[in-house]
Protein backbone atom coordinates (compact mmCIF):
# COMPACT_ATOMS: atom_id res chain seq x y z
CA MET A 1 -134.37 119.52 54.33
CA ARG A 2 -136.24 116.74 52.66
CA VAL A 3 -138.53 114.59 54.80
CA SER A 4 -139.50 111.15 53.57
CA PHE A 5 -143.12 110.22 52.97
CA LEU A 6 -142.82 107.38 55.50
CA ALA A 7 -141.51 109.75 58.15
CA ILE A 8 -144.47 112.05 57.59
CA LEU A 9 -146.84 109.10 58.01
CA GLY A 10 -145.07 108.08 61.20
CA LEU A 11 -145.31 111.61 62.59
CA ALA A 12 -148.99 111.76 61.74
CA ALA A 13 -149.57 108.48 63.53
CA VAL A 14 -147.85 109.78 66.65
CA LEU A 15 -149.76 113.04 66.59
CA GLY A 16 -153.04 111.23 65.93
CA GLY A 17 -152.41 108.85 68.80
CA SER A 18 -151.71 111.64 71.24
CA SER A 19 -154.96 113.44 70.41
CA ALA A 20 -157.28 110.37 70.44
CA ALA A 21 -160.02 110.34 73.07
CA PRO A 22 -159.38 107.97 76.03
CA ALA A 23 -161.25 104.67 75.91
CA THR A 24 -164.49 104.60 77.92
CA ALA A 25 -164.99 102.12 80.75
CA THR A 26 -167.00 99.01 79.99
CA ALA A 27 -170.08 97.90 81.90
CA LYS A 28 -168.08 95.04 83.46
CA GLU A 29 -165.39 97.45 84.64
CA ILE A 30 -167.97 99.71 86.26
CA GLU A 31 -169.67 96.73 87.92
CA ALA A 32 -166.27 95.60 89.25
CA LEU A 33 -165.64 99.03 90.75
CA VAL A 34 -169.00 98.86 92.51
CA GLN A 35 -168.18 95.42 93.86
CA ASP A 36 -164.86 96.74 95.16
CA GLY A 37 -166.61 99.64 96.88
CA LYS A 38 -165.00 102.25 94.64
CA LEU A 39 -168.27 104.07 94.15
CA ASP A 40 -166.99 107.55 93.33
CA GLU A 41 -164.82 106.14 90.56
CA ALA A 42 -167.63 103.91 89.33
CA VAL A 43 -170.04 106.85 89.09
CA GLU A 44 -167.49 109.11 87.40
CA LYS A 45 -166.51 106.51 84.80
CA GLY A 46 -170.11 105.44 84.33
CA ARG A 47 -171.30 108.94 83.59
CA ALA A 48 -168.47 109.46 81.11
CA ALA A 49 -169.16 106.15 79.40
CA VAL A 50 -172.88 106.82 79.08
CA GLY A 51 -172.14 110.27 77.69
CA ALA A 52 -169.90 108.73 75.04
CA LEU A 53 -172.16 105.74 74.28
CA PRO A 54 -175.72 106.76 75.15
CA ASP A 55 -177.28 103.78 73.36
CA ASP A 56 -175.34 101.17 75.35
CA VAL A 57 -177.96 99.81 77.76
CA ASP A 58 -175.40 97.70 79.63
CA LEU A 59 -173.50 100.86 80.49
CA ARG A 60 -176.71 102.55 81.61
CA LEU A 61 -177.57 99.62 83.89
CA ALA A 62 -174.07 99.48 85.39
CA THR A 63 -174.07 103.23 85.95
CA ALA A 64 -177.51 103.12 87.54
CA ARG A 65 -176.24 100.48 89.94
CA ALA A 66 -173.22 102.62 90.78
CA LEU A 67 -175.37 105.69 91.38
CA ALA A 68 -177.82 103.73 93.52
CA ALA A 69 -175.06 102.18 95.61
CA LYS A 70 -173.50 105.59 96.26
CA ALA A 71 -176.86 107.22 96.99
CA ARG A 72 -178.19 104.57 99.39
CA ARG A 73 -178.19 105.17 103.12
CA PHE A 74 -179.95 103.19 105.81
CA ASN A 75 -180.40 102.96 109.54
CA HIS A 76 -181.84 100.30 111.77
CA VAL A 77 -185.07 101.51 113.39
CA VAL A 78 -185.00 100.52 117.03
CA ASN A 79 -187.99 101.03 119.28
CA VAL A 80 -186.19 102.52 122.25
CA GLN A 81 -188.27 102.40 125.43
CA LEU A 82 -187.54 105.08 128.01
CA THR A 83 -188.83 105.31 131.56
CA GLN A 84 -188.36 108.22 133.94
CA ALA A 85 -185.98 106.06 135.97
CA ASP A 86 -183.92 105.40 132.83
CA LEU A 87 -183.73 109.12 132.16
CA ASP A 88 -182.77 109.89 135.75
CA LYS A 89 -179.98 107.31 135.61
CA GLY A 90 -178.93 108.25 132.12
CA GLN A 91 -179.75 104.72 130.93
CA ILE A 92 -181.63 103.52 127.89
CA LYS A 93 -183.44 100.21 127.80
CA LEU A 94 -183.25 98.50 124.42
CA PRO A 95 -185.81 95.89 123.43
CA ALA A 96 -184.71 92.27 123.27
CA GLY A 97 -183.61 90.84 119.96
CA LYS A 98 -180.74 91.21 117.56
CA LEU A 99 -180.16 94.52 115.86
CA ASP A 100 -180.26 92.67 112.54
CA ASP A 101 -183.89 91.75 113.26
CA THR A 102 -185.02 95.38 113.39
CA PRO A 103 -186.54 97.01 110.32
CA LEU A 104 -184.50 99.14 107.99
CA GLN A 105 -185.16 102.77 107.24
CA VAL A 106 -183.65 103.34 103.81
CA ALA A 107 -182.98 106.74 102.29
CA TYR A 108 -181.37 107.84 99.04
CA ASP A 109 -179.68 110.99 97.88
CA ALA A 110 -182.50 112.38 95.74
CA GLY A 111 -180.36 113.66 92.88
CA MET A 112 -178.37 110.47 92.33
CA PHE A 113 -181.48 108.34 92.83
CA GLU A 114 -183.38 110.15 90.08
CA GLU A 115 -180.31 110.04 87.84
CA ALA A 116 -180.20 106.24 88.29
CA ILE A 117 -183.90 105.98 87.43
CA LEU A 118 -183.34 108.17 84.35
CA ASP A 119 -180.56 105.86 83.14
CA LEU A 120 -182.85 102.87 83.64
CA ASP A 121 -185.73 104.56 81.84
CA GLU A 122 -183.48 105.41 78.91
CA GLY A 123 -182.21 101.85 78.85
CA ILE A 124 -185.76 100.46 78.92
CA LYS A 125 -186.72 102.81 76.07
CA ARG A 126 -183.92 101.32 73.96
CA ALA A 127 -184.41 97.71 75.11
CA PRO A 128 -188.00 97.31 76.37
CA LYS A 129 -187.69 93.52 76.74
CA ARG A 130 -184.59 93.60 78.97
CA GLU A 131 -185.73 92.07 82.24
CA ASP A 132 -182.65 93.13 84.22
CA LEU A 133 -183.33 96.82 83.55
CA ARG A 134 -186.97 96.58 84.59
CA VAL A 135 -186.27 94.41 87.64
CA PHE A 136 -183.62 96.79 88.95
CA LYS A 137 -185.95 99.75 88.50
CA CYS A 138 -188.66 97.92 90.47
CA PHE A 139 -186.12 97.13 93.17
CA LEU A 140 -184.89 100.70 93.49
CA LEU A 141 -188.37 102.18 93.76
CA THR A 142 -189.41 99.50 96.27
CA ASP A 143 -186.27 99.90 98.35
CA ALA A 144 -186.77 103.66 98.50
CA ALA A 145 -190.45 103.26 99.47
CA ARG A 146 -191.68 105.04 96.33
CA ILE A 147 -194.69 102.74 96.45
CA ASP A 148 -196.88 104.41 93.83
CA ARG A 149 -194.03 104.55 91.32
CA ALA A 150 -192.94 101.01 92.17
CA LYS A 151 -196.46 99.74 91.54
CA VAL A 152 -196.46 101.39 88.11
CA ALA A 153 -193.04 99.91 87.32
CA ILE A 154 -194.23 96.44 88.35
CA GLN A 155 -197.32 96.76 86.18
CA GLU A 156 -195.23 97.92 83.22
CA THR A 157 -192.90 94.95 83.72
CA LEU A 158 -195.81 92.54 83.81
CA ASP A 159 -197.21 94.08 80.63
CA ALA A 160 -193.88 94.01 78.77
CA LEU A 161 -192.46 90.59 79.64
CA PRO A 162 -193.69 87.00 79.33
CA ARG A 163 -195.63 86.07 82.47
CA THR A 164 -193.50 83.18 83.66
CA GLU A 165 -193.39 81.55 87.08
CA ALA A 166 -189.93 83.03 87.61
CA LEU A 167 -191.25 86.54 86.90
CA ALA A 168 -194.12 86.01 89.35
CA LYS A 169 -191.64 85.00 92.04
CA THR A 170 -189.47 88.05 91.37
CA MET A 171 -192.37 90.49 91.41
CA THR A 172 -193.76 88.92 94.60
CA ALA A 173 -190.44 89.49 96.33
CA TYR A 174 -190.95 93.28 96.31
CA ALA A 175 -194.18 92.95 98.30
CA ALA A 176 -192.47 90.59 100.72
CA GLU A 177 -189.67 93.10 101.26
CA ARG A 178 -192.04 95.95 102.08
CA THR A 179 -193.99 93.70 104.45
CA LYS A 180 -190.78 92.59 106.16
CA ARG A 181 -190.03 96.27 106.77
CA HIS A 182 -193.30 96.67 108.66
CA ASP A 183 -195.07 98.13 105.64
CA PRO A 184 -197.83 95.64 104.78
CA GLU A 185 -199.85 98.43 103.14
CA GLY A 186 -197.01 98.94 100.69
CA GLY A 187 -196.67 95.19 100.29
CA ALA A 188 -200.35 94.80 99.44
CA ALA A 189 -200.19 97.66 96.93
CA LEU A 190 -197.22 96.08 95.14
CA LEU A 191 -198.67 92.57 95.15
CA ALA A 192 -202.10 93.60 93.81
CA PRO A 193 -201.01 93.86 90.15
CA VAL A 194 -199.06 90.59 90.48
CA ALA A 195 -202.11 88.76 91.82
CA ALA A 196 -204.19 90.19 88.97
CA ALA A 197 -201.58 89.14 86.40
CA PHE A 198 -201.28 85.60 87.79
CA PRO A 199 -204.87 84.64 88.74
CA ASP A 200 -204.03 80.94 88.45
CA SER A 201 -200.98 81.00 90.72
CA ALA A 202 -201.98 79.59 94.09
CA THR A 203 -198.62 80.66 95.53
CA VAL A 204 -199.13 84.32 94.60
CA LEU A 205 -202.72 84.24 95.86
CA VAL A 206 -201.72 82.79 99.23
CA ASP A 207 -198.99 85.42 99.61
CA TYR A 208 -201.54 88.09 98.78
CA GLY A 209 -204.05 86.61 101.22
CA ASN A 210 -201.45 86.64 103.97
CA ILE A 211 -200.72 90.35 103.53
CA LEU A 212 -204.42 91.20 103.31
CA THR A 213 -205.01 89.25 106.53
CA ARG A 214 -202.37 91.32 108.31
CA LEU A 215 -204.22 94.43 107.16
CA ASN A 216 -207.59 93.08 108.38
CA ARG A 217 -208.96 93.17 104.83
CA LYS A 218 -211.04 90.08 105.42
CA LYS A 219 -213.24 89.94 102.33
CA GLU A 220 -210.31 90.25 99.95
CA ALA A 221 -208.18 87.84 101.98
CA ASP A 222 -210.94 85.22 102.01
CA ALA A 223 -211.37 85.51 98.25
CA ALA A 224 -207.63 85.07 97.63
CA PHE A 225 -207.38 82.03 99.90
CA ASP A 226 -210.54 80.44 98.51
CA ARG A 227 -209.29 80.73 94.94
CA ALA A 228 -205.87 79.36 95.91
CA THR A 229 -207.36 76.29 97.56
CA ARG A 230 -209.68 75.71 94.60
CA LEU A 231 -206.64 75.77 92.33
CA LYS A 232 -204.66 73.41 94.60
CA PRO A 233 -207.25 71.47 96.61
CA ALA A 234 -204.80 68.76 97.71
CA ASP A 235 -202.07 71.11 98.94
CA VAL A 236 -202.02 70.88 102.73
CA ARG A 237 -199.84 73.99 103.09
CA PHE A 238 -202.30 76.25 101.29
CA ALA A 239 -205.29 74.75 103.12
CA ARG A 240 -203.60 75.21 106.49
CA THR A 241 -202.64 78.80 105.70
CA ARG A 242 -206.25 79.55 104.78
CA ALA A 243 -207.44 78.06 108.07
CA THR A 244 -204.85 79.95 110.11
CA ALA A 245 -205.81 83.23 108.43
CA ALA A 246 -209.44 82.66 109.41
CA MET A 247 -208.31 82.18 113.02
CA LEU A 248 -206.32 85.42 112.89
CA LEU A 249 -209.37 87.22 111.56
CA LYS A 250 -211.45 85.69 114.38
CA ASP A 251 -213.83 84.06 111.92
CA TYR A 252 -213.99 80.90 114.02
CA LYS A 253 -216.75 79.21 112.05
CA ARG A 254 -214.72 79.54 108.86
CA ALA A 255 -211.58 78.46 110.73
CA GLN A 256 -213.26 75.35 112.09
CA GLY A 257 -214.47 74.28 108.65
CA ALA A 258 -211.09 75.06 107.12
CA PHE A 259 -209.18 73.05 109.72
CA ASP A 260 -211.60 70.18 109.19
CA SER A 261 -210.65 70.28 105.50
CA VAL A 262 -206.97 70.33 106.45
CA PHE A 263 -207.45 67.32 108.72
CA ARG A 264 -209.07 65.35 105.92
CA LEU A 265 -205.90 65.94 103.90
CA SER A 266 -203.28 65.57 106.62
CA ARG A 267 -204.86 63.23 109.19
CA ALA A 268 -202.66 65.08 111.69
CA PRO A 269 -204.01 65.30 115.27
CA GLU A 270 -202.74 68.87 115.45
CA ASP A 271 -205.11 69.95 112.69
CA GLN A 272 -208.05 68.20 114.34
CA PHE A 273 -207.12 69.93 117.58
CA ALA A 274 -206.97 73.31 115.82
CA SER A 275 -210.53 72.71 114.59
CA CYS A 276 -211.62 72.18 118.18
CA VAL A 277 -209.80 75.35 119.25
CA ALA A 278 -211.77 77.24 116.61
CA ALA A 279 -214.91 75.68 118.11
CA TYR A 280 -213.85 77.18 121.46
CA GLY A 281 -213.91 80.58 119.77
CA ILE A 282 -217.53 79.92 118.72
CA ASP A 283 -218.73 78.57 122.07
CA PRO A 284 -216.24 77.72 124.84
CA LYS A 285 -218.67 75.64 126.86
CA ALA A 286 -219.92 73.61 123.88
CA SER A 287 -216.35 72.96 122.74
CA ALA A 288 -215.53 71.20 126.00
CA ALA A 289 -217.23 67.99 124.80
CA LEU A 290 -215.24 68.07 121.54
CA MET A 291 -212.02 68.53 123.47
CA ARG A 292 -212.79 65.64 125.84
CA ASP A 293 -213.56 63.36 122.91
CA LEU A 294 -210.31 64.39 121.24
CA ALA A 295 -208.35 63.59 124.41
CA LEU A 296 -209.69 60.03 124.67
CA PRO A 297 -206.90 57.44 124.49
CA SER A 298 -206.37 55.95 121.05
CA PRO A 299 -203.60 54.03 119.23
CA ALA A 300 -202.68 57.22 117.36
CA ALA A 301 -202.86 59.49 120.41
CA ASN A 302 -200.61 62.54 120.61
CA ALA A 303 -199.72 63.22 124.24
CA ALA A 304 -199.17 66.96 123.71
CA VAL A 305 -202.50 67.32 121.91
CA ASP A 306 -204.30 65.26 124.56
CA ASP A 307 -202.87 67.39 127.36
CA LEU A 308 -203.88 70.66 125.73
CA ALA A 309 -207.29 69.31 124.76
CA ASN A 310 -207.97 68.49 128.41
CA ALA A 311 -206.83 71.99 129.41
CA PHE A 312 -209.23 73.52 126.85
CA ALA A 313 -212.07 71.32 128.11
CA VAL A 314 -211.50 72.47 131.69
CA ALA A 315 -211.26 76.13 130.63
CA GLY A 316 -214.43 75.85 128.54
CA SER A 317 -216.36 74.46 131.48
CA ALA A 318 -214.93 77.06 133.89
CA GLY A 319 -215.93 79.98 131.69
CA PRO A 320 -214.08 82.12 129.13
CA ALA A 321 -213.15 84.92 131.56
CA SER A 322 -212.25 82.58 134.42
CA PRO A 323 -208.78 82.37 136.00
CA THR A 324 -208.59 78.87 134.49
CA ALA A 325 -209.10 80.23 130.98
CA MET A 326 -206.54 82.98 131.55
CA SER A 327 -204.08 80.43 132.87
CA LEU A 328 -204.55 78.48 129.63
CA ALA A 329 -203.97 81.67 127.63
CA HIS A 330 -200.70 82.29 129.48
CA ARG A 331 -199.63 78.72 128.83
CA LEU A 332 -200.28 79.06 125.12
CA VAL A 333 -198.54 82.42 124.82
CA ASP A 334 -195.53 81.26 126.85
CA GLY A 335 -195.35 78.19 124.62
CA LYS A 336 -195.38 80.40 121.48
CA GLN A 337 -198.67 78.87 120.35
CA LEU A 338 -199.95 82.33 119.55
CA VAL A 339 -202.62 81.46 116.98
CA LEU A 340 -204.22 78.98 119.41
CA ALA A 341 -204.24 81.67 122.10
CA ILE A 342 -206.36 84.04 120.00
CA PRO A 343 -209.81 82.42 120.57
CA VAL A 344 -209.07 81.96 124.29
CA LEU A 345 -208.19 85.63 124.78
CA ASP A 346 -210.87 86.88 122.40
CA ARG A 347 -213.61 84.99 124.25
CA ALA A 348 -212.25 86.29 127.56
CA VAL A 349 -212.55 89.87 126.29
CA GLN A 350 -216.06 89.20 124.97
CA ALA A 351 -217.11 87.74 128.32
CA ASP A 352 -215.56 90.59 130.33
CA PRO A 353 -214.70 93.73 128.31
CA LYS A 354 -213.00 95.17 131.41
CA LEU A 355 -210.49 92.33 131.53
CA THR A 356 -207.51 94.50 130.57
CA GLU A 357 -205.03 91.65 130.99
CA ALA A 358 -206.69 89.73 128.16
CA LYS A 359 -206.79 92.83 125.94
CA THR A 360 -203.13 93.56 126.56
CA MET A 361 -202.14 89.98 125.85
CA LEU A 362 -204.25 89.85 122.70
CA ALA A 363 -202.73 93.07 121.38
CA LYS A 364 -199.25 91.65 121.97
CA VAL A 365 -200.16 88.34 120.31
CA PHE A 366 -201.30 90.10 117.14
CA THR A 367 -198.27 92.40 117.20
CA ASP A 368 -195.90 89.45 117.57
CA LEU A 369 -197.64 87.78 114.64
CA GLY A 370 -197.02 90.89 112.53
CA CYS A 371 -200.68 91.93 112.48
CA ASP A 372 -200.57 95.50 113.78
CA GLU A 373 -203.94 96.40 112.25
CA LEU A 374 -205.58 93.50 114.11
CA ALA A 375 -203.87 94.53 117.33
CA GLU A 376 -204.97 98.16 117.19
CA SER A 377 -208.48 97.74 118.56
CA TYR A 378 -207.12 96.10 121.72
CA ARG A 379 -204.77 98.97 122.46
CA LYS A 380 -207.58 101.49 122.98
């Protein structure tokens, strides 16, 4: 039987079509699967697509995101406080606050995590200037608390990309995230290369100074704040942060001078009052005169400042470890004026090292301010 040439071509087309390899998923399709929560499918299709098109960096990024999303696990870390009575009753006392306010403990499946990093590394090798690849790698390593590796990735990103203000903000965010998760050491490690790369960014320097303050690394914190305020001498926010950090570090002479500088910029009674509070930390009795002068009636008087200034004057005259001074400390703590409470409690401890109430309060003040390193010495 004769078969026409056209029929043979048609048969070949059918046979060819039936044996053709299935089309691979696109990066957008994989991203959509991740967004829809179809992670197993996203990973499966991503792996197949990367295997077929290993040079497609968009596919590698999408697949890395799918792998990371599937690998990521986290729990809220809650500081559960148990007493013997709780145990006897079968009850557990949870600390106050929303669960969402507690720190996260993030973990990843190790195999999928490293596979995601490998995809990102291969993508970066092929497209070294792609910011999205580098940024996601920095995020993954930060999120998983691989601090040493994250620091290297941040440094490599800073070396490879233009050092723009937007990049500085992005890189700073990783340090902020570690600090928010009660890991200021990790935050400081990640922010160090950013501060070195952006020595003329007052914003980065102030962020770095804040983390260093929380770690009680005074010399480095002072240097960061001093440079920031030299770069932006008229910025009240930076000047006030520098002054507050000095108060946290109990360098009251520096704090007083810094708040004086803030007051010259702001003309706000609150800043003048903070300077006098720092003076209390230097010498409670001598500060009483400053507080009384501050509380004198004037056209620009602030009733709240006047009232507290009078309370400080009375406490300074009564003595730093007196019931009057401790009453002032309670008032400040109850009013959430924690920074102002530091010199009052610190001077009370200096005057009477056996005053355990002041030590306990001071430890809690520093803890509530996120300064666990500064609180530690008062817990002993």
